[in-house]
């Protein structure tokens, strides 16, 4: 079962520009964000919320 939708992964790539450190950072923050909201699937809207609200 996928945790991130394809569109969510596109957002991760757009933010990280291929940097593994940035990818790990946004994915970790997205996983914590989803866990706090009892969500099992992370979509592009969640990733954007994390990027805009929690990451530089």
PDB file of N, CA and C in Angstrom:
ATOM      1  N   UNK A   1       0.835  -1.184   0.000  1.00  0.00           N
ATOM      2  CA  UNK A   1       0.000   0.000   0.000  1.00  0.00           C
ATOM      3  C   UNK A   1       0.880   1.248   0.000  1.00  0.00           C
ATOM      4  N   UNK A   2       0.559   2.163  -0.879  1.00  0.00           N
ATOM      5  CA  UNK A   2       1.297   3.425  -0.940  1.00  0.00           C
ATOM      6  C   UNK A   2       0.845   4.352   0.181  1.00  0.00           C
ATOM      7  N   UNK A   3       1.781   5.110   0.704  1.00  0.00           N
ATOM      8  CA  UNK A   3       1.473   6.093   1.742  1.00  0.00           C
ATOM      9  C   UNK A   3       1.326   7.477   1.109  1.00  0.00           C
ATOM     10  N   UNK A   4       2.130   7.751   0.084  1.00  0.00           N
ATOM     11  CA  UNK A   4       2.099   9.021  -0.628  1.00  0.00           C
ATOM     12  C   UNK A   4       1.434   8.817  -1.991  1.00  0.00           C
ATOM     13  N   UNK A   5       0.513   9.694  -2.345  1.00  0.00           N
ATOM     14  CA  UNK A   5      -0.080   9.628  -3.681  1.00  0.00           C
ATOM     15  C   UNK A   5       0.970  10.065  -4.708  1.00  0.00           C
ATOM     16  N   UNK A   6       0.708   9.772  -5.971  1.00  0.00           N
ATOM     17  CA  UNK A   6       1.631  10.193  -7.028  1.00  0.00           C
ATOM     18  C   UNK A   6       1.771  11.718  -7.057  1.00  0.00           C
ATOM     19  N   UNK A   7       0.664  12.416  -6.885  1.00  0.00           N
ATOM     20  CA  UNK A   7       0.717  13.886  -6.878  1.00  0.00           C
ATOM     21  C   UNK A   7       1.510  14.401  -5.681  1.00  0.00           C
ATOM     22  N   UNK A   8       1.415  13.707  -4.546  1.00  0.00           N
ATOM     23  CA  UNK A   8       2.197  14.093  -3.368  1.00  0.00           C
ATOM     24  C   UNK A   8       3.687  13.939  -3.659  1.00  0.00           C
ATOM     25  N   UNK A   9       4.048  12.856  -4.335  1.00  0.00           N
ATOM     26  CA  UNK A   9       5.457  12.643  -4.674  1.00  0.00           C
ATOM     27  C   UNK A   9       5.943  13.708  -5.656  1.00  0.00           C
ATOM     28  N   UNK A  10       5.072  14.135  -6.560  1.00  0.00           N
ATOM     29  CA  UNK A  10       5.435  15.229  -7.467  1.00  0.00           C
ATOM     30  C   UNK A  10       5.743  16.500  -6.679  1.00  0.00           C
ATOM     31  N   UNK A  11       4.936  16.784  -5.659  1.00  0.00           N
ATOM     32  CA  UNK A  11       5.172  17.964  -4.809  1.00  0.00           C
ATOM     33  C   UNK A  11       6.486  17.835  -4.042  1.00  0.00           C
ATOM     34  N   UNK A  12       6.760  16.647  -3.536  1.00  0.00           N
ATOM     35  CA  UNK A  12       8.021  16.407  -2.821  1.00  0.00           C
ATOM     36  C   UNK A  12       9.192  16.688  -3.753  1.00  0.00           C
ATOM     37  N   UNK A  13       9.111  16.166  -4.975  1.00  0.00           N
ATOM     38  CA  UNK A  13      10.209  16.371  -5.924  1.00  0.00           C
ATOM     39  C   UNK A  13      10.354  17.848  -6.290  1.00  0.00           C
ATOM     40  N   UNK A  14       9.229  18.519  -6.500  1.00  0.00           N
ATOM     41  CA  UNK A  14       9.268  19.944  -6.841  1.00  0.00           C
ATOM     42  C   UNK A  14       9.974  20.739  -5.741  1.00  0.00           C
ATOM     43  N   UNK A  15       9.657  20.411  -4.490  1.00  0.00           N
ATOM     44  CA  UNK A  15      10.268  21.113  -3.357  1.00  0.00           C
ATOM     45  C   UNK A  15      11.753  20.771  -3.229  1.00  0.00           C
ATOM     46  N   UNK A  16      12.072  19.493  -3.330  1.00  0.00           N
ATOM     47  CA  UNK A  16      13.434  19.046  -3.040  1.00  0.00           C
ATOM     48  C   UNK A  16      14.396  19.194  -4.210  1.00  0.00           C
ATOM     49  N   UNK A  17      13.878  19.294  -5.414  1.00  0.00           N
ATOM     50  CA  UNK A  17      14.708  19.378  -6.623  1.00  0.00           C
ATOM     51  C   UNK A  17      15.724  18.235  -6.683  1.00  0.00           C
ATOM     52  N   UNK A  18      15.337  17.081  -6.160  1.00  0.00           N
ATOM     53  CA  UNK A  18      16.193  15.904  -6.221  1.00  0.00           C
ATOM     54  C   UNK A  18      17.165  15.752  -5.060  1.00  0.00           C
ATOM     55  N   UNK A  19      17.214  16.707  -4.157  1.00  0.00           N
ATOM     56  CA  UNK A  19      18.106  16.628  -3.000  1.00  0.00           C
ATOM     57  C   UNK A  19      17.572  15.594  -2.009  1.00  0.00           C
ATOM     58  N   UNK A  20      18.389  14.597  -1.688  1.00  0.00           N
ATOM     59  CA  UNK A  20      17.928  13.545  -0.771  1.00  0.00           C
ATOM     60  C   UNK A  20      17.657  14.097   0.628  1.00  0.00           C
ATOM     61  N   UNK A  21      18.441  15.052   1.069  1.00  0.00           N
ATOM     62  CA  UNK A  21      18.227  15.644   2.393  1.00  0.00           C
ATOM     63  C   UNK A  21      16.879  16.367   2.452  1.00  0.00           C
ATOM     64  N   UNK A  22      16.570  17.159   1.428  1.00  0.00           N
ATOM     65  CA  UNK A  22      15.293  17.880   1.384  1.00  0.00           C
ATOM     66  C   UNK A  22      14.128  16.903   1.231  1.00  0.00           C
ATOM     67  N   UNK A  23      14.329  15.842   0.449  1.00  0.00           N
ATOM     68  CA  UNK A  23      13.290  14.820   0.282  1.00  0.00           C
ATOM     69  C   UNK A  23      12.971  14.177   1.620  1.00  0.00           C
ATOM     70  N   UNK A  24      14.007  13.771   2.348  1.00  0.00           N
ATOM     71  CA  UNK A  24      13.799  13.156   3.662  1.00  0.00           C
ATOM     72  C   UNK A  24      13.094  14.114   4.616  1.00  0.00           C
ATOM     73  N   UNK A  25      13.482  15.372   4.580  1.00  0.00           N
ATOM     74  CA  UNK A  25      12.904  16.363   5.489  1.00  0.00           C
ATOM     75  C   UNK A  25      11.413  16.548   5.227  1.00  0.00           C
ATOM     76  N   UNK A  26      11.036  16.758   3.974  1.00  0.00           N
ATOM     77  CA  UNK A  26       9.625  16.995   3.667  1.00  0.00           C
ATOM     78  C   UNK A  26       8.798  15.728   3.885  1.00  0.00           C
ATOM     79  N   UNK A  27       9.360  14.565   3.592  1.00  0.00           N
ATOM     80  CA  UNK A  27       8.618  13.317   3.810  1.00  0.00           C
ATOM     81  C   UNK A  27       8.421  13.048   5.302  1.00  0.00           C
ATOM     82  N   UNK A  28       9.447  13.270   6.098  1.00  0.00           N
ATOM     83  CA  UNK A  28       9.335  13.073   7.542  1.00  0.00           C
ATOM     84  C   UNK A  28       8.292  14.014   8.139  1.00  0.00           C
ATOM     85  N   UNK A  29       8.344  15.277   7.751  1.00  0.00           N
ATOM     86  CA  UNK A  29       7.365  16.249   8.253  1.00  0.00           C
ATOM     87  C   UNK A  29       5.959  15.887   7.793  1.00  0.00           C
ATOM     88  N   UNK A  30       5.831  15.406   6.571  1.00  0.00           N
ATOM     89  CA  UNK A  30       4.513  15.011   6.050  1.00  0.00           C
ATOM     90  C   UNK A  30       3.974  13.799   6.796  1.00  0.00           C
ATOM     91  N   UNK A  31       4.838  12.843   7.109  1.00  0.00           N
ATOM     92  CA  UNK A  31       4.412  11.667   7.876  1.00  0.00           C
ATOM     93  C   UNK A  31       3.938  12.068   9.269  1.00  0.00           C
ATOM     94  N   UNK A  32       4.661  12.978   9.917  1.00  0.00           N
ATOM     95  CA  UNK A  32       4.245  13.441  11.244  1.00  0.00           C
ATOM     96  C   UNK A  32       2.926  14.204  11.160  1.00  0.00           C
ATOM     97  N   UNK A  33       2.787  15.043  10.141  1.00  0.00           N
ATOM     98  CA  UNK A  33       1.559  15.814   9.925  1.00  0.00           C
ATOM     99  C   UNK A  33       0.371  14.868   9.754  1.00  0.00           C
ATOM    100  N   UNK A  34       0.535  13.838   8.939  1.00  0.00           N
ATOM    101  CA  UNK A  34      -0.544  12.873   8.695  1.00  0.00           C
ATOM    102  C   UNK A  34      -0.864  12.085   9.962  1.00  0.00           C
ATOM    103  N   UNK A  35       0.156  11.694  10.696  1.00  0.00           N
ATOM    104  CA  UNK A  35      -0.045  10.929  11.925  1.00  0.00           C
ATOM    105  C   UNK A  35      -0.843  11.728  12.953  1.00  0.00           C
ATOM    106  N   UNK A  36      -0.536  12.996  13.078  1.00  0.00           N
ATOM    107  CA  UNK A  36      -1.244  13.857  14.031  1.00  0.00           C
ATOM    108  C   UNK A  36      -2.718  14.006  13.675  1.00  0.00           C
ATOM    109  N   UNK A  37      -3.034  13.786  12.409  1.00  0.00           N
ATOM    110  CA  UNK A  37      -4.418  13.922  11.945  1.00  0.00           C
ATOM    111  C   UNK A  37      -5.073  12.570  11.654  1.00  0.00           C
ATOM    112  N   UNK A  38      -4.404  11.493  12.065  1.00  0.00           N
ATOM    113  CA  UNK A  38      -4.903  10.124  11.878  1.00  0.00           C
ATOM    114  C   UNK A  38      -5.225   9.816  10.415  1.00  0.00           C
ATOM    115  N   UNK A  39      -4.384  10.316   9.503  1.00  0.00           N
ATOM    116  CA  UNK A  39      -4.551  10.055   8.071  1.00  0.00           C
ATOM    117  C   UNK A  39      -3.610   8.933   7.657  1.00  0.00           C
ATOM    118  N   UNK A  40      -4.083   8.063   6.789  1.00  0.00           N
ATOM    119  CA  UNK A  40      -3.268   6.948   6.323  1.00  0.00           C
ATOM    120  C   UNK A  40      -2.684   7.186   4.937  1.00  0.00           C
ATOM    121  N   UNK A  41      -3.175   8.209   4.259  1.00  0.00           N
ATOM    122  CA  UNK A  41      -2.713   8.527   2.912  1.00  0.00           C
ATOM    123  C   UNK A  41      -2.320   9.999   2.861  1.00  0.00           C
ATOM    124  N   UNK A  42      -1.144  10.265   2.316  1.00  0.00           N
ATOM    125  CA  UNK A  42      -0.643  11.632   2.216  1.00  0.00           C
ATOM    126  C   UNK A  42      -0.822  12.095   0.777  1.00  0.00           C
ATOM    127  N   UNK A  43      -1.583  13.189   0.613  1.00  0.00           N
ATOM    128  CA  UNK A  43      -1.819  13.704  -0.730  1.00  0.00           C
ATOM    129  C   UNK A  43      -1.036  14.997  -0.960  1.00  0.00           C
ATOM    130  N   UNK A  44      -1.160  15.527  -2.167  1.00  0.00           N
ATOM    131  CA  UNK A  44      -0.403  16.720  -2.535  1.00  0.00           C
ATOM    132  C   UNK A  44      -0.778  17.939  -1.697  1.00  0.00           C
ATOM    133  N   UNK A  45      -2.025  18.021  -1.280  1.00  0.00           N
ATOM    134  CA  UNK A  45      -2.449  19.155  -0.452  1.00  0.00           C
ATOM    135  C   UNK A  45      -1.751  19.128   0.909  1.00  0.00           C
ATOM    136  N   UNK A  46      -1.608  17.949   1.479  1.00  0.00           N
ATOM    137  CA  UNK A  46      -0.918  17.823   2.772  1.00  0.00           C
ATOM    138  C   UNK A  46       0.551  18.201   2.630  1.00  0.00           C
ATOM    139  N   UNK A  47       1.186  17.718   1.576  1.00  0.00           N
ATOM    140  CA  UNK A  47       2.603  18.025   1.365  1.00  0.00           C
ATOM    141  C   UNK A  47       2.787  19.532   1.193  1.00  0.00           C
ATOM    142  N   UNK A  48       1.917  20.171   0.411  1.00  0.00           N
ATOM    143  CA  UNK A  48       2.001  21.620   0.223  1.00  0.00           C
ATOM    144  C   UNK A  48       1.808  22.362   1.538  1.00  0.00           C
ATOM    145  N   UNK A  49       0.881  21.899   2.361  1.00  0.00           N
ATOM    146  CA  UNK A  49       0.645  22.518   3.670  1.00  0.00           C
ATOM    147  C   UNK A  49       1.903  22.437   4.527  1.00  0.00           C
ATOM    148  N   UNK A  50       2.549  21.284   4.519  1.00  0.00           N
ATOM    149  CA  UNK A  50       3.785  21.093   5.285  1.00  0.00           C
ATOM    150  C   UNK A  50       4.882  22.011   4.749  1.00  0.00           C
ATOM    151  N   UNK A  51       5.046  22.038   3.443  1.00  0.00           N
ATOM    152  CA  UNK A  51       6.095  22.864   2.837  1.00  0.00           C
ATOM    153  C   UNK A  51       5.868  24.339   3.148  1.00  0.00           C
ATOM    154  N   UNK A  52       4.642  24.799   3.004  1.00  0.00           N
ATOM    155  CA  UNK A  52       4.345  26.218   3.208  1.00  0.00           C
ATOM    156  C   UNK A  52       4.355  26.620   4.680  1.00  0.00           C
ATOM    157  N   UNK A  53       4.034  25.679   5.570  1.00  0.00           N
ATOM    158  CA  UNK A  53       3.904  26.040   6.969  1.00  0.00           C
ATOM    159  C   UNK A  53       5.052  25.663   7.872  1.00  0.00           C
ATOM    160  N   UNK A  54       5.799  24.622   7.513  1.00  0.00           N
ATOM    161  CA  UNK A  54       6.802  24.112   8.443  1.00  0.00           C
ATOM    162  C   UNK A  54       8.232  24.149   7.926  1.00  0.00           C
ATOM    163  N   UNK A  55       8.403  24.307   6.626  1.00  0.00           N
ATOM    164  CA  UNK A  55       9.745  24.224   6.066  1.00  0.00           C
ATOM    165  C   UNK A  55      10.157  25.550   5.437  1.00  0.00           C
ATOM    166  N   UNK A  56      11.454  25.834   5.485  1.00  0.00           N
ATOM    167  CA  UNK A  56      11.950  27.094   4.889  1.00  0.00           C
ATOM    168  C   UNK A  56      11.913  27.069   3.373  1.00  0.00           C
TER     169      UNK A  56
END
